[in-house]
Amino acid sequence: MLPQLAFFGSIAFSVIAWGIVAARYIWPALRVRRRSEALRPLLILHSFRFLGMAFLVPGVVSPDLPRAFATAAAFGDIVAAVLALLSLLSLQTAPGVLVAWIFNVWGSVDLVNAFYEAYATGLSPGQLGATYFIPTLIVPLLLITHGLMFGVLLQHQQEPARWRRAEASARI
């Protein structure tokens, strides 16, 4: 029971710490930017989700790490990384915003699914081996930045009036 408590305690502390960082530093900087400029750093962060492939590397994880968890987490993450990169490449276009929405929904569901698979397969924290830091440090940050992305995408349905005024005055 102690390893489970340490594992979930680490996740909880990480969510709290990243939540403070996001509320204090990240969101205030993002909310005043244009949508594409606000999404760019979040998408760059998520382009590193290829790290989830480490769940498939023998020696990095325990040989008895549940295969269902490892496969779902690894391939869900690689799809999320590809979608993040595609979104970055097309961000200035209308399809880029659609790809950002698709990425954000996929990426969020993928992370929730990883928690479900961990529970459903009876994953023990020790089976994660060197990848222990992914769910305890990185996943909370990714979940919070998905929330920030939803905020940016919803808030910027119409670009803020100050951008329209600035563009109008620049034309005069």
Protein backbone atom coordinates (compact mmCIF):
# COMPACT_ATOMS: atom_id res chain seq x y z
CA MET A 1 0.00 0.00 0.00
CA LEU A 2 2.88 2.39 0.72
CA PRO A 3 4.17 2.38 -2.91
CA GLN A 4 0.66 3.18 -4.18
CA LEU A 5 0.33 5.98 -1.64
CA ALA A 6 3.73 7.42 -2.62
CA PHE A 7 2.82 7.15 -6.30
CA PHE A 8 -0.56 8.87 -6.04
CA GLY A 9 0.81 11.37 -3.52
CA SER A 10 3.52 12.31 -6.02
CA ILE A 11 0.91 12.79 -8.73
CA ALA A 12 -1.24 14.93 -6.42
CA PHE A 13 1.68 17.16 -5.39
CA SER A 14 2.71 17.49 -9.01
CA VAL A 15 -0.80 18.58 -10.04
CA ILE A 16 -0.81 21.18 -7.26
CA ALA A 17 2.67 22.49 -8.10
CA TRP A 18 2.04 22.65 -11.88
CA GLY A 19 -1.37 24.19 -11.21
CA ILE A 20 0.28 27.00 -9.27
CA VAL A 21 2.85 27.53 -12.03
CA ALA A 22 0.12 27.56 -14.67
CA ALA A 23 -2.16 29.93 -12.76
CA ARG A 24 0.61 32.30 -11.72
CA TYR A 25 2.86 32.36 -14.78
CA ILE A 26 1.61 30.48 -17.83
CA TRP A 27 -2.06 31.48 -18.15
CA PRO A 28 -1.47 35.22 -17.58
CA ALA A 29 1.10 35.17 -20.39
CA LEU A 30 -1.08 33.14 -22.76
CA ARG A 31 -4.41 34.87 -22.36
CA VAL A 32 -3.16 38.17 -23.82
CA ARG A 33 -1.68 36.59 -26.95
CA ARG A 34 -3.32 35.82 -30.26
CA ARG A 35 -4.61 32.27 -30.47
CA SER A 36 -1.77 30.94 -32.64
CA GLU A 37 0.85 32.61 -30.45
CA ALA A 38 -0.78 31.28 -27.28
CA LEU A 39 -1.03 27.72 -28.63
CA ARG A 40 2.52 27.53 -29.99
CA PRO A 41 4.44 26.99 -26.70
CA LEU A 42 1.82 24.50 -25.48
CA LEU A 43 2.03 22.50 -28.69
CA ILE A 44 5.83 22.54 -28.60
CA LEU A 45 5.71 21.07 -25.09
CA HIS A 46 3.35 18.32 -26.28
CA SER A 47 5.58 17.50 -29.26
CA PHE A 48 7.82 15.77 -26.68
CA ARG A 49 5.17 13.16 -25.98
CA PHE A 50 7.24 10.68 -27.95
CA LEU A 51 8.79 10.03 -24.50
CA GLY A 52 5.87 7.69 -23.85
CA MET A 53 7.51 5.21 -26.20
CA ALA A 54 9.85 4.47 -23.27
CA PHE A 55 7.06 2.29 -21.84
CA LEU A 56 7.95 -0.23 -24.58
CA VAL A 57 11.69 -0.40 -23.87
CA PRO A 58 12.80 -3.48 -21.93
CA GLY A 59 15.19 -2.56 -19.13
CA VAL A 60 13.68 0.92 -18.81
CA VAL A 61 10.45 -0.59 -17.49
CA SER A 62 9.93 -3.83 -15.61
CA PRO A 63 9.41 -6.90 -17.81
CA ASP A 64 6.10 -7.45 -16.03
CA LEU A 65 4.70 -3.99 -16.84
CA PRO A 66 1.20 -4.76 -18.16
CA ARG A 67 1.44 -4.86 -21.97
CA ALA A 68 -2.05 -3.35 -22.39
CA PHE A 69 -1.00 -0.29 -20.43
CA ALA A 70 2.42 0.06 -22.11
CA THR A 71 1.05 -0.25 -25.64
CA ALA A 72 -1.89 2.11 -25.13
CA ALA A 73 0.27 4.72 -23.38
CA ALA A 74 3.13 4.56 -25.89
CA PHE A 75 1.09 4.64 -29.08
CA GLY A 76 -1.42 7.14 -27.71
CA ASP A 77 1.48 9.44 -26.90
CA ILE A 78 3.15 9.09 -30.29
CA VAL A 79 -0.13 9.93 -32.04
CA ALA A 80 -0.48 12.95 -29.75
CA ALA A 81 3.08 14.08 -30.57
CA VAL A 82 2.40 13.80 -34.32
CA LEU A 83 -0.87 15.73 -33.97
CA ALA A 84 0.90 18.43 -31.93
CA LEU A 85 3.55 18.79 -34.65
CA LEU A 86 0.93 18.85 -37.43
CA SER A 87 -0.94 21.52 -35.53
CA LEU A 88 2.24 23.56 -35.12
CA LEU A 89 2.95 23.35 -38.85
CA SER A 90 -0.53 24.50 -39.83
CA LEU A 91 -1.31 26.85 -36.94
CA GLN A 92 -1.69 29.99 -39.05
CA THR A 93 -4.46 28.41 -41.14
CA ALA A 94 -8.08 27.55 -40.40
CA PRO A 95 -7.29 23.80 -40.68
CA GLY A 96 -4.51 24.38 -38.12
CA VAL A 97 -7.05 25.42 -35.52
CA LEU A 98 -9.09 22.31 -36.30
CA VAL A 99 -5.98 20.15 -35.92
CA ALA A 100 -5.28 21.89 -32.58
CA TRP A 101 -8.79 20.95 -31.42
CA ILE A 102 -8.32 17.36 -32.61
CA PHE A 103 -4.94 17.15 -30.90
CA ASN A 104 -6.28 18.62 -27.66
CA VAL A 105 -9.23 16.23 -27.48
CA TRP A 106 -7.08 13.22 -28.47
CA GLY A 107 -4.28 14.13 -26.08
CA SER A 108 -6.63 14.67 -23.14
CA VAL A 109 -8.50 11.41 -23.73
CA ASP A 110 -5.19 9.58 -24.17
CA LEU A 111 -3.95 10.72 -20.75
CA VAL A 112 -7.22 9.81 -19.04
CA ASN A 113 -7.14 6.44 -20.83
CA ALA A 114 -3.59 5.82 -19.55
CA PHE A 115 -4.81 6.30 -15.97
CA TYR A 116 -7.73 3.94 -16.68
CA GLU A 117 -5.43 1.31 -18.21
CA ALA A 118 -3.05 1.59 -15.26
CA TYR A 119 -5.94 0.93 -12.88
CA ALA A 120 -7.60 -1.76 -15.02
CA THR A 121 -4.38 -3.74 -15.49
CA GLY A 122 -3.37 -3.51 -11.83
CA LEU A 123 -0.19 -1.60 -12.58
CA SER A 124 2.18 -1.36 -9.65
CA PRO A 125 4.36 1.80 -9.46
CA GLY A 126 7.53 -0.30 -9.31
CA GLN A 127 6.74 -1.77 -12.73
CA LEU A 128 7.28 1.65 -14.28
CA GLY A 129 11.00 1.53 -13.59
CA ALA A 130 12.79 4.59 -14.97
CA THR A 131 9.52 5.86 -16.48
CA TYR A 132 8.12 6.55 -13.00
CA PHE A 133 8.72 10.28 -13.63
CA ILE A 134 6.36 10.33 -16.62
CA PRO A 135 3.07 9.89 -14.70
CA THR A 136 4.33 11.65 -11.58
CA LEU A 137 5.94 14.72 -13.14
CA ILE A 138 5.12 15.05 -16.83
CA VAL A 139 1.51 13.81 -17.05
CA PRO A 140 0.20 16.36 -14.52
CA LEU A 141 1.86 19.14 -16.55
CA LEU A 142 0.38 17.75 -19.76
CA LEU A 143 -3.12 17.55 -18.23
CA ILE A 144 -2.90 21.13 -17.02
CA THR A 145 -1.63 22.39 -20.37
CA HIS A 146 -4.47 20.58 -22.12
CA GLY A 147 -6.81 22.57 -19.88
CA LEU A 148 -4.97 25.76 -20.81
CA MET A 149 -5.29 24.86 -24.49
CA PHE A 150 -9.04 24.39 -24.12
CA GLY A 151 -9.10 27.83 -22.48
CA VAL A 152 -7.16 29.39 -25.34
CA LEU A 153 -9.24 27.67 -28.02
CA LEU A 154 -12.53 28.66 -26.37
CA GLN A 155 -11.50 32.18 -25.36
CA HIS A 156 -10.16 32.98 -28.78
CA GLN A 157 -13.18 31.94 -30.82
CA GLN A 158 -13.25 35.58 -31.73
CA GLU A 159 -9.89 37.28 -31.42
CA PRO A 160 -9.94 39.84 -28.62
CA ALA A 161 -11.29 43.26 -29.56
CA ARG A 162 -7.93 44.87 -28.81
CA TRP A 163 -6.39 42.92 -31.74
CA ARG A 164 -9.13 44.09 -34.12
CA ARG A 165 -8.70 47.70 -32.94
CA ALA A 166 -4.91 47.48 -33.29
CA GLU A 167 -5.21 46.06 -36.80
CA ALA A 168 -7.76 48.74 -37.80
CA SER A 169 -5.56 51.56 -36.51
CA ALA A 170 -2.54 50.06 -38.31
CA ARG A 171 -4.45 50.29 -41.63
CA ILE A 172 -5.21 54.00 -41.17
